[in-house]
C-alpha atoms as a PDB file:
ATOM      1  CA  ASP A   1      11.140 -15.411  -7.927  1.00  0.00           C
ATOM      2  CA  VAL A   2      12.181 -12.071  -9.430  1.00  0.00           C
ATOM      3  CA  PHE A   3      15.713 -10.625  -9.243  1.00  0.00           C
ATOM      4  CA  VAL A   4      16.308  -7.108 -10.584  1.00  0.00           C
ATOM      5  CA  ASN A   5      18.782  -4.324  -9.863  1.00  0.00           C
ATOM      6  CA  ALA A   6      16.208  -1.525  -9.765  1.00  0.00           C
ATOM      7  CA  LEU A   7      12.437  -1.588 -10.237  1.00  0.00           C
ATOM      8  CA  THR A   8      10.217   1.443 -10.828  1.00  0.00           C
ATOM      9  CA  ILE A   9       6.422   1.201 -10.849  1.00  0.00           C
ATOM     10  CA  THR A  10       4.961   4.404 -12.253  1.00  0.00           C
ATOM     11  CA  SER A  11       1.543   5.771 -13.116  1.00  0.00           C
ATOM     12  CA  ASP A  12       1.340   7.780 -16.289  1.00  0.00           C
ATOM     13  CA  ASP A  13      -1.061   9.214 -18.817  1.00  0.00           C
ATOM     14  CA  ASP A  14      -2.570   6.572 -21.086  1.00  0.00           C
ATOM     15  CA  THR A  15      -2.728   6.903 -24.884  1.00  0.00           C
ATOM     16  CA  THR A  16      -6.257   8.360 -24.799  1.00  0.00           C
ATOM     17  CA  GLY A  17      -5.193  11.311 -22.646  1.00  0.00           C
ATOM     18  CA  GLY A  18      -6.597   9.924 -19.411  1.00  0.00           C
ATOM     19  CA  ALA A  19      -4.711   9.037 -16.274  1.00  0.00           C
ATOM     20  CA  GLU A  20      -4.063   5.501 -15.108  1.00  0.00           C
ATOM     21  CA  SER A  21      -2.957   3.832 -11.918  1.00  0.00           C
ATOM     22  CA  SER A  22      -0.207   1.242 -12.068  1.00  0.00           C
ATOM     23  CA  SER A  23       0.341  -1.800  -9.914  1.00  0.00           C
ATOM     24  CA  MET A  24       2.559  -4.851  -9.785  1.00  0.00           C
ATOM     25  CA  THR A  25       1.583  -8.025  -7.955  1.00  0.00           C
ATOM     26  CA  VAL A  26       4.310 -10.340  -6.656  1.00  0.00           C
ATOM     27  CA  ASN A  27       3.410 -13.951  -5.850  1.00  0.00           C
ATOM     28  CA  GLY A  28       6.977 -15.100  -5.095  1.00  0.00           C
ATOM     29  CA  ASN A  29      10.144 -13.623  -3.648  1.00  0.00           C
ATOM     30  CA  LEU A  30      11.316 -10.261  -5.000  1.00  0.00           C
ATOM     31  CA  THR A  31      14.930  -9.146  -4.707  1.00  0.00           C
ATOM     32  CA  ALA A  32      15.914  -5.668  -5.889  1.00  0.00           C
ATOM     33  CA  THR A  33      18.429  -3.062  -4.780  1.00  0.00           C
ATOM     34  CA  THR A  34      15.694  -0.423  -4.978  1.00  0.00           C
ATOM     35  CA  ILE A  35      11.960  -0.455  -5.649  1.00  0.00           C
ATOM     36  CA  VAL A  36      10.492   2.966  -6.438  1.00  0.00           C
ATOM     37  CA  LEU A  37       6.758   3.718  -6.481  1.00  0.00           C
ATOM     38  CA  ASP A  38       6.235   6.780  -8.666  1.00  0.00           C
ATOM     39  CA  LYS A  39       2.958   8.694  -8.625  1.00  0.00           C
ATOM     40  CA  ASP A  40       2.995  10.770 -11.793  1.00  0.00           C
ATOM     41  CA  THR A  41      -0.778  11.226 -12.028  1.00  0.00           C
ATOM     42  CA  ASN A  42      -2.462   8.449 -10.039  1.00  0.00           C
ATOM     43  CA  ASP A  43      -1.186   5.956  -7.480  1.00  0.00           C
ATOM     44  CA  SER A  44       1.360   3.255  -8.108  1.00  0.00           C
ATOM     45  CA  THR A  45       1.071   0.135  -5.986  1.00  0.00           C
ATOM     46  CA  LEU A  46       3.217  -2.874  -5.119  1.00  0.00           C
ATOM     47  CA  VAL A  47       1.031  -5.800  -4.013  1.00  0.00           C
ATOM     48  CA  VAL A  48       2.760  -8.685  -2.225  1.00  0.00           C
ATOM     49  CA  ALA A  49       0.316 -11.574  -2.613  1.00  0.00           C
ATOM     50  CA  GLY A  50       2.443 -14.710  -2.280  1.00  0.00           C
ATOM     51  CA  THR A  51       2.477 -16.825   0.875  1.00  0.00           C
ATOM     52  CA  SER A  52       5.782 -16.891   2.811  1.00  0.00           C
ATOM     53  CA  THR A  53       7.209 -14.279   0.444  1.00  0.00           C
ATOM     54  CA  THR A  54      10.323 -12.190   1.058  1.00  0.00           C
ATOM     55  CA  VAL A  55      10.807  -8.776  -0.521  1.00  0.00           C
ATOM     56  CA  ALA A  56      14.466  -7.725  -0.267  1.00  0.00           C
ATOM     57  CA  GLY A  57      15.633  -4.197  -1.049  1.00  0.00           C
ATOM     58  CA  THR A  58      14.450  -0.708  -0.220  1.00  0.00           C
ATOM     59  CA  ILE A  59      10.913   0.355  -1.160  1.00  0.00           C
ATOM     60  CA  ASP A  60      10.541   4.109  -1.596  1.00  0.00           C
ATOM     61  CA  GLY A  61       8.266   6.698  -3.096  1.00  0.00           C
ATOM     62  CA  ALA A  62       9.691   8.723  -5.973  1.00  0.00           C
ATOM     63  CA  GLY A  63       8.836  11.737  -3.797  1.00  0.00           C
ATOM     64  CA  ASP A  64       7.543  12.147  -0.287  1.00  0.00           C
ATOM     65  CA  GLY A  65       4.093  10.567   0.190  1.00  0.00           C
ATOM     66  CA  GLU A  66       4.065   8.605  -3.086  1.00  0.00           C
ATOM     67  CA  GLY A  67       3.148   4.962  -3.648  1.00  0.00           C
ATOM     68  CA  ILE A  68       1.230   2.226  -1.882  1.00  0.00           C
ATOM     69  CA  LEU A  69       2.586  -1.028  -0.433  1.00  0.00           C
ATOM     70  CA  GLN A  70      -0.199  -3.589   0.034  1.00  0.00           C
ATOM     71  CA  ILE A  71       0.441  -6.987   1.609  1.00  0.00           C
ATOM     72  CA  THR A  72      -2.147  -9.722   1.104  1.00  0.00           C
ATOM     73  CA  GLY A  73       0.029 -12.860   1.359  1.00  0.00           C
ATOM     74  CA  ALA A  74       0.468 -14.459   4.805  1.00  0.00           C
ATOM     75  CA  GLY A  75       3.970 -14.910   6.149  1.00  0.00           C
ATOM     76  CA  THR A  76       5.477 -11.996   4.215  1.00  0.00           C
ATOM     77  CA  THR A  77       8.851 -10.554   5.216  1.00  0.00           C
ATOM     78  CA  ILE A  78       9.869  -7.083   4.067  1.00  0.00           C
ATOM     79  CA  SER A  79      13.619  -7.013   4.746  1.00  0.00           C
ATOM     80  CA  GLY A  80      14.644  -3.558   3.495  1.00  0.00           C
ATOM     81  CA  ALA A  81      13.727  -0.059   4.610  1.00  0.00           C
ATOM     82  CA  VAL A  82      10.308   1.141   3.427  1.00  0.00           C
ATOM     83  CA  GLY A  83       9.719   4.838   2.698  1.00  0.00           C
ATOM     84  CA  ASP A  84      12.595   6.009   4.843  1.00  0.00           C
ATOM     85  CA  GLY A  85      13.066   9.791   5.059  1.00  0.00           C
ATOM     86  CA  ALA A  86      12.162  12.118   2.183  1.00  0.00           C
ATOM     87  CA  THR A  87      10.766   9.235   0.126  1.00  0.00           C
ATOM     88  CA  SER A  88       8.017   7.991   2.443  1.00  0.00           C
ATOM     89  CA  LEU A  89       5.075   6.092   0.978  1.00  0.00           C
ATOM     90  CA  ALA A  90       1.502   7.358   0.812  1.00  0.00           C
ATOM     91  CA  SER A  91       0.319   4.212   2.575  1.00  0.00           C
ATOM     92  CA  ILE A  92       1.257   0.790   3.847  1.00  0.00           C
ATOM     93  CA  ASP A  93      -1.734  -1.571   3.984  1.00  0.00           C
ATOM     94  CA  VAL A  94      -1.111  -4.884   5.788  1.00  0.00           C
ATOM     95  CA  ASN A  95      -3.852  -7.480   5.248  1.00  0.00           C
ATOM     96  CA  ALA A  96      -1.854 -10.624   6.120  1.00  0.00           C
ATOM     97  CA  THR A  97       0.732 -11.665   8.723  1.00  0.00           C
ATOM     98  CA  THR A  98       3.907  -9.669   8.039  1.00  0.00           C
ATOM     99  CA  THR A  99       7.326  -8.895   9.475  1.00  0.00           C
ATOM    100  CA  PHE A 100       9.127  -5.647   8.656  1.00  0.00           C
ATOM    101  CA  SER A 101      12.869  -6.036   9.327  1.00  0.00           C
ATOM    102  CA  SER A 102      13.806  -2.379   8.935  1.00  0.00           C
ATOM    103  CA  THR A 103      12.334   1.129   9.098  1.00  0.00           C
ATOM    104  CA  ALA A 104       8.782   1.619   7.776  1.00  0.00           C
ATOM    105  CA  GLU A 105       7.455   5.126   7.038  1.00  0.00           C
ATOM    106  CA  ALA A 106       4.234   6.219   5.367  1.00  0.00           C
ATOM    107  CA  THR A 107       1.619   8.921   5.584  1.00  0.00           C
ATOM    108  CA  ALA A 108      -0.887   6.260   6.668  1.00  0.00           C
ATOM    109  CA  LEU A 109      -0.366   2.737   7.984  1.00  0.00           C
ATOM    110  CA  THR A 110      -3.318   0.350   8.214  1.00  0.00           C
ATOM    111  CA  VAL A 111      -2.721  -3.020   9.869  1.00  0.00           C
ATOM    112  CA  ASP A 112      -5.434  -5.685   9.648  1.00  0.00           C
ATOM    113  CA  ALA A 113      -3.281  -8.729  10.516  1.00  0.00           C
ATOM    114  CA  ASP A 114      -0.606  -9.702  13.044  1.00  0.00           C
ATOM    115  CA  THR A 115       2.500  -7.664  12.228  1.00  0.00           C
ATOM    116  CA  THR A 116       5.969  -7.271  13.722  1.00  0.00           C
ATOM    117  CA  PHE A 117       8.060  -4.166  13.097  1.00  0.00           C
ATOM    118  CA  THR A 118      11.704  -4.686  14.125  1.00  0.00           C
ATOM    119  CA  GLY A 119      12.777  -1.274  12.803  1.00  0.00           C
ATOM    120  CA  ALA A 120      11.419   2.162  13.606  1.00  0.00           C
ATOM    121  CA  VAL A 121       7.860   2.917  12.490  1.00  0.00           C
ATOM    122  CA  LEU A 122       6.905   6.433  11.437  1.00  0.00           C
ATOM    123  CA  ALA A 123       3.240   7.141  10.717  1.00  0.00           C
ATOM    124  CA  ASN A 124       3.109  10.696   9.440  1.00  0.00           C
ATOM    125  CA  THR A 125      -0.685  11.064   9.673  1.00  0.00           C
ATOM    126  CA  SER A 126      -2.367   7.868  10.880  1.00  0.00           C
ATOM    127  CA  PHE A 127      -1.633   4.395  12.227  1.00  0.00           C
ATOM    128  CA  THR A 128      -4.729   2.205  12.394  1.00  0.00           C
ATOM    129  CA  VAL A 129      -4.822  -1.296  13.876  1.00  0.00           C
ATOM    130  CA  ASP A 130      -8.041  -3.232  13.385  1.00  0.00           C
ATOM    131  CA  SER A 131      -9.577  -6.699  13.017  1.00  0.00           C
ATOM    132  CA  SER A 132      -8.100  -8.097  16.239  1.00  0.00           C
ATOM    133  CA  ALA A 133      -4.578  -7.722  14.841  1.00  0.00           C
ATOM    134  CA  ALA A 134      -1.576  -7.886  17.158  1.00  0.00           C
ATOM    135  CA  VAL A 135       1.162  -5.381  16.320  1.00  0.00           C
ATOM    136  CA  THR A 136       4.598  -5.537  17.946  1.00  0.00           C
ATOM    137  CA  LEU A 137       7.066  -2.640  17.770  1.00  0.00           C
ATOM    138  CA  THR A 138      10.649  -3.456  18.808  1.00  0.00           C
ATOM    139  CA  ALA A 139      12.368  -0.165  17.960  1.00  0.00           C
ATOM    140  CA  ALA A 140      11.737   3.462  18.881  1.00  0.00           C
ATOM    141  CA  SER A 141       8.733   4.595  16.843  1.00  0.00           C
ATOM    142  CA  ASP A 142       6.687   7.721  16.207  1.00  0.00           C
ATOM    143  CA  LEU A 143       3.042   7.003  15.458  1.00  0.00           C
ATOM    144  CA  SER A 144       1.949  10.671  15.459  1.00  0.00           C
ATOM    145  CA  LEU A 145      -1.716   9.644  15.534  1.00  0.00           C
ATOM    146  CA  ALA A 146      -2.635   6.051  16.351  1.00  0.00           C
ATOM    147  CA  THR A 147      -6.146   4.620  16.375  1.00  0.00           C
ATOM    148  CA  MET A 148      -6.728   1.296  18.120  1.00  0.00           C
ATOM    149  CA  THR A 149     -10.147  -0.162  17.410  1.00  0.00           C
ATOM    150  CA  THR A 150      -9.985  -3.861  18.247  1.00  0.00           C
ATOM    151  CA  GLY A 151      -6.337  -4.832  17.906  1.00  0.00           C
ATOM    152  CA  THR A 152      -3.355  -5.043  20.235  1.00  0.00           C
ATOM    153  CA  LEU A 153      -0.254  -2.834  20.118  1.00  0.00           C
ATOM    154  CA  THR A 154       2.855  -3.873  22.049  1.00  0.00           C
ATOM    155  CA  ALA A 155       5.762  -1.407  22.177  1.00  0.00           C
ATOM    156  CA  ASN A 156       9.113  -2.836  23.270  1.00  0.00           C
ATOM    157  CA  GLY A 157      10.898   0.417  22.368  1.00  0.00           C
ATOM    158  CA  LEU A 158      10.268   4.114  22.872  1.00  0.00           C
ATOM    159  CA  LEU A 159       6.838   5.069  21.558  1.00  0.00           C
ATOM    160  CA  THR A 160       6.268   8.719  20.693  1.00  0.00           C
ATOM    161  CA  THR A 161       2.721   9.739  19.867  1.00  0.00           C
ATOM    162  CA  SER A 162       0.865  13.012  20.089  1.00  0.00           C
ATOM    163  CA  ASP A 163      -2.534  11.315  20.300  1.00  0.00           C
ATOM    164  CA  LEU A 164      -3.394   7.687  20.935  1.00  0.00           C
ATOM    165  CA  ILE A 165      -7.062   6.872  20.408  1.00  0.00           C
ATOM    166  CA  ASN A 166      -8.011   3.512  21.884  1.00  0.00           C
ATOM    167  CA  THR A 167     -11.657   2.558  21.434  1.00  0.00           C
ATOM    168  CA  ALA A 168     -11.502  -1.184  22.190  1.00  0.00           C
ATOM    169  CA  GLY A 169      -7.944  -2.339  21.609  1.00  0.00           C
ATOM    170  CA  LYS A 170      -5.106  -3.150  23.997  1.00  0.00           C
ATOM    171  CA  VAL A 171      -1.867  -1.184  24.263  1.00  0.00           C
ATOM    172  CA  TYR A 172       1.149  -2.633  26.086  1.00  0.00           C
ATOM    173  CA  LEU A 173       4.203  -0.472  26.757  1.00  0.00           C
ATOM    174  CA  ASN A 174       7.065  -2.653  27.959  1.00  0.00           C
ATOM    175  CA  VAL A 175       9.794  -0.977  29.982  1.00  0.00           C
ATOM    176  CA  ALA A 176      13.265  -2.454  29.665  1.00  0.00           C
END
């Protein structure tokens, strides 16, 4: 387990004058007040790979549309806000069963495993659900452009979307 006050993952120029991407992989719990993904030149990525892992604290881009959150470990819980407001992430890529306990905002969200969002979800460009994943939204969310290919989307809160493309998935809108 890792406990830090603030964590910044940044890409930078390497010593040979080229650009590099930076990433950090977490295989256990991570607790931080703030986690900042800073794209100086190339992408910076936080990979959550541990099974039944909890990441506590906010995860933000250094600027709007910066940083990638990738989840590959099953049973992950992200308890803090992700990319909320002017510090949204470039992308959130969910490859294993995950629960988001607060707001999640990114330019692009790709969900390839069962995922529950208990806070608002804001997809600024795309929200893609694939691989027979089941996604549950329990707060008012704006998906802007959602593409359902084979998964299931269940909205238990207000769902605002300008376009919803459903090629083979299932969409359930529950009215309270």
